[in-house]
Full PDB file with SEQRES, HELIX, SHEET, SSBOND, CRYST1, ORIGX, SCALE, CONECT and MASTER records, all heavy atoms in Angstrom:
SEQRES   1 A   33  TYR ILE ILE ASN ASP ALA ALA ASP SER VAL VAL PHE LEU          
SEQRES   2 A   33  ASP PRO PRO PHE VAL GLU LYS VAL ALA GLN ASN ALA ASP          
SEQRES   3 A   33  GLU PHE GLU SER VAL GLU GLN                                  
HELIX    1 AA1 ILE A    2  ALA A    6  1                                   5    
HELIX    2 AA2 PRO A   15  PHE A   17  5                                   3    
HELIX    3 AA3 VAL A   18  ALA A   22  1                                   5    
HELIX    4 AA4 ALA A   25  GLU A   27  5                                   3    
CRYST1    1.000    1.000    1.000  90.00  90.00  90.00 P 1           1          
ORIGX1      1.000000  0.000000  0.000000        0.00000                         
ORIGX2      0.000000  1.000000  0.000000        0.00000                         
ORIGX3      0.000000  0.000000  1.000000        0.00000                         
SCALE1      1.000000  0.000000  0.000000        0.00000                         
SCALE2      0.000000  1.000000  0.000000        0.00000                         
SCALE3      0.000000  0.000000  1.000000        0.00000                         
ATOM      1  N   TYR A   1       0.847  -1.194  -0.003  1.00  0.00           N  
ATOM      2  CA  TYR A   1       0.035   0.047   0.011  1.00  0.00           C  
ATOM      3  C   TYR A   1       0.818   1.238  -0.020  1.00  0.00           C  
ATOM      4  O   TYR A   1       0.552   2.225  -0.736  1.00  0.00           O  
ATOM      5  CB  TYR A   1      -0.934   0.002   1.247  1.00  0.00           C  
ATOM      6  CG  TYR A   1      -1.667   1.314   1.396  1.00  0.00           C  
ATOM      7  CD1 TYR A   1      -2.766   1.646   0.621  1.00  0.00           C  
ATOM      8  CD2 TYR A   1      -1.205   2.267   2.276  1.00  0.00           C  
ATOM      9  CE1 TYR A   1      -3.485   2.819   0.786  1.00  0.00           C  
ATOM     10  CE2 TYR A   1      -1.852   3.463   2.490  1.00  0.00           C  
ATOM     11  CZ  TYR A   1      -2.975   3.714   1.760  1.00  0.00           C  
ATOM     12  OH  TYR A   1      -3.619   4.941   1.900  1.00  0.00           O  
ATOM     13  N   ILE A   2       1.891   1.356   0.857  1.00  0.00           N  
ATOM     14  CA  ILE A   2       2.638   2.602   0.974  1.00  0.00           C  
ATOM     15  C   ILE A   2       3.452   2.874  -0.271  1.00  0.00           C  
ATOM     16  O   ILE A   2       3.547   4.030  -0.681  1.00  0.00           O  
ATOM     17  CB  ILE A   2       3.588   2.576   2.180  1.00  0.00           C  
ATOM     18  CG1 ILE A   2       4.694   1.538   2.160  1.00  0.00           C  
ATOM     19  CG2 ILE A   2       2.804   2.404   3.479  1.00  0.00           C  
ATOM     20  CD1 ILE A   2       5.676   1.626   3.254  1.00  0.00           C  
ATOM     21  N   ILE A   3       3.997   1.812  -0.976  1.00  0.00           N  
ATOM     22  CA  ILE A   3       4.730   2.057  -2.170  1.00  0.00           C  
ATOM     23  C   ILE A   3       3.774   2.529  -3.332  1.00  0.00           C  
ATOM     24  O   ILE A   3       4.146   3.395  -4.105  1.00  0.00           O  
ATOM     25  CB  ILE A   3       5.568   0.807  -2.555  1.00  0.00           C  
ATOM     26  CG1 ILE A   3       6.727   0.686  -1.569  1.00  0.00           C  
ATOM     27  CG2 ILE A   3       6.063   0.885  -4.031  1.00  0.00           C  
ATOM     28  CD1 ILE A   3       7.645  -0.485  -1.820  1.00  0.00           C  
ATOM     29  N   ASN A   4       2.630   1.932  -3.350  1.00  0.00           N  
ATOM     30  CA  ASN A   4       1.618   2.335  -4.405  1.00  0.00           C  
ATOM     31  C   ASN A   4       1.072   3.732  -4.113  1.00  0.00           C  
ATOM     32  O   ASN A   4       0.899   4.523  -5.013  1.00  0.00           O  
ATOM     33  CB  ASN A   4       0.535   1.318  -4.480  1.00  0.00           C  
ATOM     34  CG  ASN A   4       1.022   0.028  -5.110  1.00  0.00           C  
ATOM     35  OD1 ASN A   4       1.955  -0.033  -5.935  1.00  0.00           O  
ATOM     36  ND2 ASN A   4       0.360  -1.149  -4.798  1.00  0.00           N  
ATOM     37  N   ASP A   5       0.759   3.931  -2.829  1.00  0.00           N  
ATOM     38  CA  ASP A   5       0.175   5.249  -2.501  1.00  0.00           C  
ATOM     39  C   ASP A   5       1.195   6.381  -2.682  1.00  0.00           C  
ATOM     40  O   ASP A   5       0.827   7.503  -3.153  1.00  0.00           O  
ATOM     41  CB  ASP A   5      -0.213   5.220  -0.997  1.00  0.00           C  
ATOM     42  CG  ASP A   5      -1.018   6.452  -0.626  1.00  0.00           C  
ATOM     43  OD1 ASP A   5      -2.080   6.728  -1.212  1.00  0.00           O  
ATOM     44  OD2 ASP A   5      -0.518   7.148   0.316  1.00  0.00           O  
ATOM     45  N   ALA A   6       2.433   6.160  -2.492  1.00  0.00           N  
ATOM     46  CA  ALA A   6       3.518   7.148  -2.743  1.00  0.00           C  
ATOM     47  C   ALA A   6       3.891   7.255  -4.225  1.00  0.00           C  
ATOM     48  O   ALA A   6       4.587   8.159  -4.591  1.00  0.00           O  
ATOM     49  CB  ALA A   6       4.754   6.809  -1.917  1.00  0.00           C  
ATOM     50  N   ALA A   7       3.489   6.263  -4.986  1.00  0.00           N  
ATOM     51  CA  ALA A   7       3.810   6.272  -6.429  1.00  0.00           C  
ATOM     52  C   ALA A   7       5.353   6.252  -6.670  1.00  0.00           C  
ATOM     53  O   ALA A   7       5.849   7.022  -7.506  1.00  0.00           O  
ATOM     54  CB  ALA A   7       3.148   7.419  -7.198  1.00  0.00           C  
ATOM     55  N   ASP A   8       6.064   5.432  -5.902  1.00  0.00           N  
ATOM     56  CA  ASP A   8       7.520   5.391  -6.046  1.00  0.00           C  
ATOM     57  C   ASP A   8       7.907   4.823  -7.388  1.00  0.00           C  
ATOM     58  O   ASP A   8       7.383   3.848  -7.896  1.00  0.00           O  
ATOM     59  CB  ASP A   8       8.103   4.417  -4.936  1.00  0.00           C  
ATOM     60  CG  ASP A   8       7.829   5.032  -3.581  1.00  0.00           C  
ATOM     61  OD1 ASP A   8       7.886   6.242  -3.351  1.00  0.00           O  
ATOM     62  OD2 ASP A   8       7.534   4.190  -2.651  1.00  0.00           O  
ATOM     63  N   SER A   9       8.965   5.484  -7.989  1.00  0.00           N  
ATOM     64  CA  SER A   9       9.431   5.081  -9.319  1.00  0.00           C  
ATOM     65  C   SER A   9      10.531   4.017  -9.236  1.00  0.00           C  
ATOM     66  O   SER A   9      10.622   3.157 -10.083  1.00  0.00           O  
ATOM     67  CB  SER A   9       9.895   6.321 -10.076  1.00  0.00           C  
ATOM     68  OG  SER A   9       8.969   7.271 -10.198  1.00  0.00           O  
ATOM     69  N   VAL A  10      11.418   4.165  -8.257  1.00  0.00           N  
ATOM     70  CA  VAL A  10      12.591   3.298  -8.056  1.00  0.00           C  
ATOM     71  C   VAL A  10      12.613   2.809  -6.673  1.00  0.00           C  
ATOM     72  O   VAL A  10      12.365   3.619  -5.723  1.00  0.00           O  
ATOM     73  CB  VAL A  10      13.900   4.024  -8.461  1.00  0.00           C  
ATOM     74  CG1 VAL A  10      15.095   3.088  -8.351  1.00  0.00           C  
ATOM     75  CG2 VAL A  10      13.837   4.648  -9.820  1.00  0.00           C  
ATOM     76  N   VAL A  11      12.989   1.573  -6.428  1.00  0.00           N  
ATOM     77  CA  VAL A  11      13.203   1.056  -5.089  1.00  0.00           C  
ATOM     78  C   VAL A  11      14.641   0.708  -4.907  1.00  0.00           C  
ATOM     79  O   VAL A  11      15.188  -0.113  -5.632  1.00  0.00           O  
ATOM     80  CB  VAL A  11      12.307  -0.231  -4.849  1.00  0.00           C  
ATOM     81  CG1 VAL A  11      12.558  -0.815  -3.461  1.00  0.00           C  
ATOM     82  CG2 VAL A  11      10.875   0.064  -4.964  1.00  0.00           C  
ATOM     83  N   PHE A  12      15.255   1.367  -3.865  1.00  0.00           N  
ATOM     84  CA  PHE A  12      16.651   1.038  -3.466  1.00  0.00           C  
ATOM     85  C   PHE A  12      16.514   0.141  -2.242  1.00  0.00           C  
ATOM     86  O   PHE A  12      15.792   0.553  -1.286  1.00  0.00           O  
ATOM     87  CB  PHE A  12      17.382   2.329  -3.088  1.00  0.00           C  
ATOM     88  CG  PHE A  12      17.709   3.176  -4.286  1.00  0.00           C  
ATOM     89  CD1 PHE A  12      16.750   3.975  -4.939  1.00  0.00           C  
ATOM     90  CD2 PHE A  12      18.990   3.268  -4.763  1.00  0.00           C  
ATOM     91  CE1 PHE A  12      17.060   4.783  -5.953  1.00  0.00           C  
ATOM     92  CE2 PHE A  12      19.337   4.062  -5.865  1.00  0.00           C  
ATOM     93  CZ  PHE A  12      18.314   4.861  -6.490  1.00  0.00           C  
ATOM     94  N   LEU A  13      17.199  -0.975  -2.210  1.00  0.00           N  
ATOM     95  CA  LEU A  13      17.048  -1.924  -1.117  1.00  0.00           C  
ATOM     96  C   LEU A  13      18.333  -2.561  -0.712  1.00  0.00           C  
ATOM     97  O   LEU A  13      19.210  -2.800  -1.523  1.00  0.00           O  
ATOM     98  CB  LEU A  13      16.036  -3.024  -1.521  1.00  0.00           C  
ATOM     99  CG  LEU A  13      16.375  -3.911  -2.662  1.00  0.00           C  
ATOM    100  CD1 LEU A  13      15.779  -5.296  -2.506  1.00  0.00           C  
ATOM    101  CD2 LEU A  13      15.938  -3.366  -3.999  1.00  0.00           C  
ATOM    102  N   ASP A  14      18.468  -2.769   0.597  1.00  0.00           N  
ATOM    103  CA  ASP A  14      19.608  -3.571   1.084  1.00  0.00           C  
ATOM    104  C   ASP A  14      19.430  -5.007   0.732  1.00  0.00           C  
ATOM    105  O   ASP A  14      18.259  -5.544   0.647  1.00  0.00           O  
ATOM    106  CB  ASP A  14      19.659  -3.481   2.643  1.00  0.00           C  
ATOM    107  CG  ASP A  14      20.372  -2.172   3.103  1.00  0.00           C  
ATOM    108  OD1 ASP A  14      21.054  -1.542   2.340  1.00  0.00           O  
ATOM    109  OD2 ASP A  14      20.200  -1.867   4.309  1.00  0.00           O  
ATOM    110  N   PRO A  15      20.542  -5.776   0.567  1.00  0.00           N  
ATOM    111  CA  PRO A  15      20.446  -7.206   0.225  1.00  0.00           C  
ATOM    112  C   PRO A  15      19.558  -8.092   1.123  1.00  0.00           C  
ATOM    113  O   PRO A  15      18.854  -8.941   0.625  1.00  0.00           O  
ATOM    114  CB  PRO A  15      21.894  -7.664   0.246  1.00  0.00           C  
ATOM    115  CG  PRO A  15      22.664  -6.387  -0.150  1.00  0.00           C  
ATOM    116  CD  PRO A  15      21.966  -5.269   0.523  1.00  0.00           C  
ATOM    117  N   PRO A  16      19.519  -7.818   2.426  1.00  0.00           N  
ATOM    118  CA  PRO A  16      18.680  -8.679   3.300  1.00  0.00           C  
ATOM    119  C   PRO A  16      17.215  -8.481   2.996  1.00  0.00           C  
ATOM    120  O   PRO A  16      16.357  -9.332   3.422  1.00  0.00           O  
ATOM    121  CB  PRO A  16      18.996  -8.233   4.740  1.00  0.00           C  
ATOM    122  CG  PRO A  16      20.356  -7.570   4.646  1.00  0.00           C  
ATOM    123  CD  PRO A  16      20.369  -6.993   3.241  1.00  0.00           C  
ATOM    124  N   PHE A  17      16.815  -7.473   2.262  1.00  0.00           N  
ATOM    125  CA  PHE A  17      15.388  -7.222   2.031  1.00  0.00           C  
ATOM    126  C   PHE A  17      14.941  -7.606   0.590  1.00  0.00           C  
ATOM    127  O   PHE A  17      13.854  -7.229   0.219  1.00  0.00           O  
ATOM    128  CB  PHE A  17      15.015  -5.758   2.310  1.00  0.00           C  
ATOM    129  CG  PHE A  17      15.355  -5.341   3.720  1.00  0.00           C  
ATOM    130  CD1 PHE A  17      16.141  -4.194   3.996  1.00  0.00           C  
ATOM    131  CD2 PHE A  17      14.859  -6.091   4.792  1.00  0.00           C  
ATOM    132  CE1 PHE A  17      16.424  -3.871   5.306  1.00  0.00           C  
ATOM    133  CE2 PHE A  17      15.178  -5.757   6.122  1.00  0.00           C  
ATOM    134  CZ  PHE A  17      15.917  -4.622   6.355  1.00  0.00           C  
ATOM    135  N   VAL A  18      15.859  -8.273  -0.130  1.00  0.00           N  
ATOM    136  CA  VAL A  18      15.479  -8.673  -1.511  1.00  0.00           C  
ATOM    137  C   VAL A  18      14.251  -9.523  -1.479  1.00  0.00           C  
ATOM    138  O   VAL A  18      13.315  -9.372  -2.260  1.00  0.00           O  
ATOM    139  CB  VAL A  18      16.683  -9.415  -2.120  1.00  0.00           C  
ATOM    140  CG1 VAL A  18      16.173 -10.105  -3.418  1.00  0.00           C  
ATOM    141  CG2 VAL A  18      17.780  -8.451  -2.480  1.00  0.00           C  
ATOM    142  N   GLU A  19      14.204 -10.487  -0.556  1.00  0.00           N  
ATOM    143  CA  GLU A  19      13.071 -11.439  -0.482  1.00  0.00           C  
ATOM    144  C   GLU A  19      11.775 -10.661  -0.181  1.00  0.00           C  
ATOM    145  O   GLU A  19      10.713 -10.926  -0.771  1.00  0.00           O  
ATOM    146  CB  GLU A  19      13.318 -12.484   0.530  1.00  0.00           C  
ATOM    147  CG  GLU A  19      12.183 -13.543   0.638  1.00  0.00           C  
ATOM    148  CD  GLU A  19      12.458 -14.606   1.668  1.00  0.00           C  
ATOM    149  OE1 GLU A  19      13.599 -14.685   2.188  1.00  0.00           O  
ATOM    150  OE2 GLU A  19      11.552 -15.409   1.913  1.00  0.00           O  
ATOM    151  N   LYS A  20      11.845  -9.697   0.779  1.00  0.00           N  
ATOM    152  CA  LYS A  20      10.672  -8.957   1.187  1.00  0.00           C  
ATOM    153  C   LYS A  20      10.117  -8.177  -0.030  1.00  0.00           C  
ATOM    154  O   LYS A  20       8.918  -8.216  -0.291  1.00  0.00           O  
ATOM    155  CB  LYS A  20      10.999  -8.017   2.311  1.00  0.00           C  
ATOM    156  CG  LYS A  20       9.887  -6.999   2.677  1.00  0.00           C  
ATOM    157  CD  LYS A  20       8.782  -7.663   3.406  1.00  0.00           C  
ATOM    158  CE  LYS A  20       7.755  -6.610   3.889  1.00  0.00           C  
ATOM    159  NZ  LYS A  20       6.680  -7.266   4.676  1.00  0.00           N  
ATOM    160  N   VAL A  21      11.013  -7.530  -0.743  1.00  0.00           N  
ATOM    161  CA  VAL A  21      10.610  -6.649  -1.877  1.00  0.00           C  
ATOM    162  C   VAL A  21      10.056  -7.608  -3.026  1.00  0.00           C  
ATOM    163  O   VAL A  21       9.007  -7.318  -3.639  1.00  0.00           O  
ATOM    164  CB  VAL A  21      11.728  -5.797  -2.439  1.00  0.00           C  
ATOM    165  CG1 VAL A  21      11.367  -5.087  -3.699  1.00  0.00           C  
ATOM    166  CG2 VAL A  21      12.079  -4.751  -1.348  1.00  0.00           C  
ATOM    167  N   ALA A  22      10.823  -8.734  -3.288  1.00  0.00           N  
ATOM    168  CA  ALA A  22      10.457  -9.602  -4.429  1.00  0.00           C  
ATOM    169  C   ALA A  22       9.089 -10.214  -4.223  1.00  0.00           C  
ATOM    170  O   ALA A  22       8.326 -10.392  -5.202  1.00  0.00           O  
ATOM    171  CB  ALA A  22      11.515 -10.686  -4.560  1.00  0.00           C  
ATOM    172  N   GLN A  23       8.716 -10.570  -2.994  1.00  0.00           N  
ATOM    173  CA  GLN A  23       7.453 -11.298  -2.782  1.00  0.00           C  
ATOM    174  C   GLN A  23       6.229 -10.306  -2.888  1.00  0.00           C  
ATOM    175  O   GLN A  23       5.123 -10.727  -2.900  1.00  0.00           O  
ATOM    176  CB  GLN A  23       7.414 -11.973  -1.433  1.00  0.00           C  
ATOM    177  CG  GLN A  23       7.407 -11.026  -0.215  1.00  0.00           C  
ATOM    178  CD  GLN A  23       7.604 -11.857   1.091  1.00  0.00           C  
ATOM    179  OE1 GLN A  23       8.155 -12.938   1.113  1.00  0.00           O  
ATOM    180  NE2 GLN A  23       7.239 -11.208   2.212  1.00  0.00           N  
ATOM    181  N   ASN A  24       6.548  -8.989  -2.943  1.00  0.00           N  
ATOM    182  CA  ASN A  24       5.487  -7.987  -3.096  1.00  0.00           C  
ATOM    183  C   ASN A  24       5.539  -7.297  -4.459  1.00  0.00           C  
ATOM    184  O   ASN A  24       4.653  -6.547  -4.767  1.00  0.00           O  
ATOM    185  CB  ASN A  24       5.616  -6.999  -1.997  1.00  0.00           C  
ATOM    186  CG  ASN A  24       5.244  -7.545  -0.625  1.00  0.00           C  
ATOM    187  OD1 ASN A  24       4.060  -7.712  -0.324  1.00  0.00           O  
ATOM    188  ND2 ASN A  24       6.240  -7.877   0.189  1.00  0.00           N  
ATOM    189  N   ALA A  25       6.603  -7.508  -5.231  1.00  0.00           N  
ATOM    190  CA  ALA A  25       6.872  -6.697  -6.404  1.00  0.00           C  
ATOM    191  C   ALA A  25       5.730  -6.751  -7.475  1.00  0.00           C  
ATOM    192  O   ALA A  25       5.460  -5.739  -8.142  1.00  0.00           O  
ATOM    193  CB  ALA A  25       8.180  -7.119  -7.059  1.00  0.00           C  
ATOM    194  N   ASP A  26       5.046  -7.901  -7.599  1.00  0.00           N  
ATOM    195  CA  ASP A  26       3.978  -8.038  -8.554  1.00  0.00           C  
ATOM    196  C   ASP A  26       2.819  -7.102  -8.260  1.00  0.00           C  
ATOM    197  O   ASP A  26       2.013  -6.802  -9.184  1.00  0.00           O  
ATOM    198  CB  ASP A  26       3.453  -9.438  -8.584  1.00  0.00           C  
ATOM    199  CG  ASP A  26       4.441 -10.392  -9.210  1.00  0.00           C  
ATOM    200  OD1 ASP A  26       5.368  -9.942  -9.919  1.00  0.00           O  
ATOM    201  OD2 ASP A  26       4.235 -11.660  -9.105  1.00  0.00           O  
ATOM    202  N   GLU A  27       2.761  -6.604  -7.023  1.00  0.00           N  
ATOM    203  CA  GLU A  27       1.636  -5.703  -6.617  1.00  0.00           C  
ATOM    204  C   GLU A  27       2.016  -4.252  -6.735  1.00  0.00           C  
ATOM    205  O   GLU A  27       1.195  -3.365  -6.627  1.00  0.00           O  
ATOM    206  CB  GLU A  27       1.223  -5.952  -5.223  1.00  0.00           C  
ATOM    207  CG  GLU A  27       0.767  -7.424  -4.981  1.00  0.00           C  
ATOM    208  CD  GLU A  27      -0.370  -7.873  -5.855  1.00  0.00           C  
ATOM    209  OE1 GLU A  27      -1.271  -7.052  -6.085  1.00  0.00           O  
ATOM    210  OE2 GLU A  27      -0.364  -9.055  -6.281  1.00  0.00           O  
ATOM    211  N   PHE A  28       3.261  -3.932  -7.083  1.00  0.00           N  
ATOM    212  CA  PHE A  28       3.663  -2.537  -7.194  1.00  0.00           C  
ATOM    213  C   PHE A  28       3.208  -1.967  -8.496  1.00  0.00           C  
ATOM    214  O   PHE A  28       3.417  -2.562  -9.603  1.00  0.00           O  
ATOM    215  CB  PHE A  28       5.213  -2.390  -7.129  1.00  0.00           C  
ATOM    216  CG  PHE A  28       5.820  -2.804  -5.809  1.00  0.00           C  
ATOM    217  CD1 PHE A  28       7.144  -3.228  -5.684  1.00  0.00           C  
ATOM    218  CD2 PHE A  28       5.035  -2.889  -4.644  1.00  0.00           C  
ATOM    219  CE1 PHE A  28       7.659  -3.646  -4.520  1.00  0.00           C  
ATOM    220  CE2 PHE A  28       5.526  -3.272  -3.407  1.00  0.00           C  
ATOM    221  CZ  PHE A  28       6.876  -3.632  -3.367  1.00  0.00           C  
ATOM    222  N   GLU A  29       2.607  -0.780  -8.461  1.00  0.00           N  
ATOM    223  CA  GLU A  29       1.994  -0.210  -9.702  1.00  0.00           C  
ATOM    224  C   GLU A  29       2.848   0.824 -10.421  1.00  0.00           C  
ATOM    225  O   GLU A  29       2.574   1.066 -11.643  1.00  0.00           O  
ATOM    226  CB  GLU A  29       0.669   0.454  -9.253  1.00  0.00           C  
ATOM    227  CG  GLU A  29      -0.368  -0.509  -8.684  1.00  0.00           C  
ATOM    228  CD  GLU A  29      -1.568   0.135  -8.000  1.00  0.00           C  
ATOM    229  OE1 GLU A  29      -1.537   1.415  -7.929  1.00  0.00           O  
ATOM    230  OE2 GLU A  29      -2.424  -0.509  -7.479  1.00  0.00           O  
ATOM    231  N   SER A  30       3.844   1.363  -9.741  1.00  0.00           N  
ATOM    232  CA  SER A  30       4.561   2.500 -10.368  1.00  0.00           C  
ATOM    233  C   SER A  30       6.065   2.219 -10.426  1.00  0.00           C  
ATOM    234  O   SER A  30       6.779   2.982 -11.149  1.00  0.00           O  
ATOM    235  CB  SER A  30       4.368   3.765  -9.508  1.00  0.00           C  
ATOM    236  OG  SER A  30       4.738   3.583  -8.124  1.00  0.00           O  
ATOM    237  N   VAL A  31       6.542   1.164  -9.834  1.00  0.00           N  
ATOM    238  CA  VAL A  31       7.988   0.926  -9.751  1.00  0.00           C  
ATOM    239  C   VAL A  31       8.489   0.462 -11.087  1.00  0.00           C  
ATOM    240  O   VAL A  31       7.951  -0.456 -11.767  1.00  0.00           O  
ATOM    241  CB  VAL A  31       8.326  -0.139  -8.705  1.00  0.00           C  
ATOM    242  CG1 VAL A  31       9.812  -0.427  -8.684  1.00  0.00           C  
ATOM    243  CG2 VAL A  31       7.884   0.364  -7.311  1.00  0.00           C  
ATOM    244  N   GLU A  32       9.588   1.135 -11.579  1.00  0.00           N  
ATOM    245  CA  GLU A  32      10.190   0.829 -12.880  1.00  0.00           C  
ATOM    246  C   GLU A  32      11.614   0.259 -12.805  1.00  0.00           C  
ATOM    247  O   GLU A  32      12.155  -0.204 -13.780  1.00  0.00           O  
ATOM    248  CB  GLU A  32      10.175   2.010 -13.810  1.00  0.00           C  
ATOM    249  CG  GLU A  32       8.727   2.577 -14.064  1.00  0.00           C  
ATOM    250  CD  GLU A  32       8.756   3.890 -14.819  1.00  0.00           C  
ATOM    251  OE1 GLU A  32       9.882   4.447 -15.079  1.00  0.00           O  
ATOM    252  OE2 GLU A  32       7.649   4.331 -15.290  1.00  0.00           O  
ATOM    253  N   GLN A  33      12.190   0.394 -11.599  1.00  0.00           N  
ATOM    254  CA  GLN A  33      13.639  -0.009 -11.473  1.00  0.00           C  
ATOM    255  C   GLN A  33      13.882  -0.360  -9.998  1.00  0.00           C  
ATOM    256  O   GLN A  33      13.331   0.196  -9.071  1.00  0.00           O  
ATOM    257  CB  GLN A  33      14.508   1.165 -11.847  1.00  0.00           C  
ATOM    258  CG  GLN A  33      16.021   0.942 -11.679  1.00  0.00           C  
ATOM    259  CD  GLN A  33      16.559  -0.014 -12.747  1.00  0.00           C  
ATOM    260  OE1 GLN A  33      16.389   0.197 -13.906  1.00  0.00           O  
ATOM    261  NE2 GLN A  33      17.230  -1.138 -12.301  1.00  0.00           N  
TER     262      GLN A  33                                                      
MASTER        0    0    0    4    0    0    0    6  261    1    0    3          
END                                                                             
C-alpha cells in the first residue's frame, strides 16, 4: 500500500530485504527500477 500510495518510481534496497521486496513486487503499480 505505501509504495503504491507514494507512487515510487525506483526502489533502493539492502540485500537482506530482497526477499521482502520480491514477494511483493507483482503488486507494485509504479515501480520501474
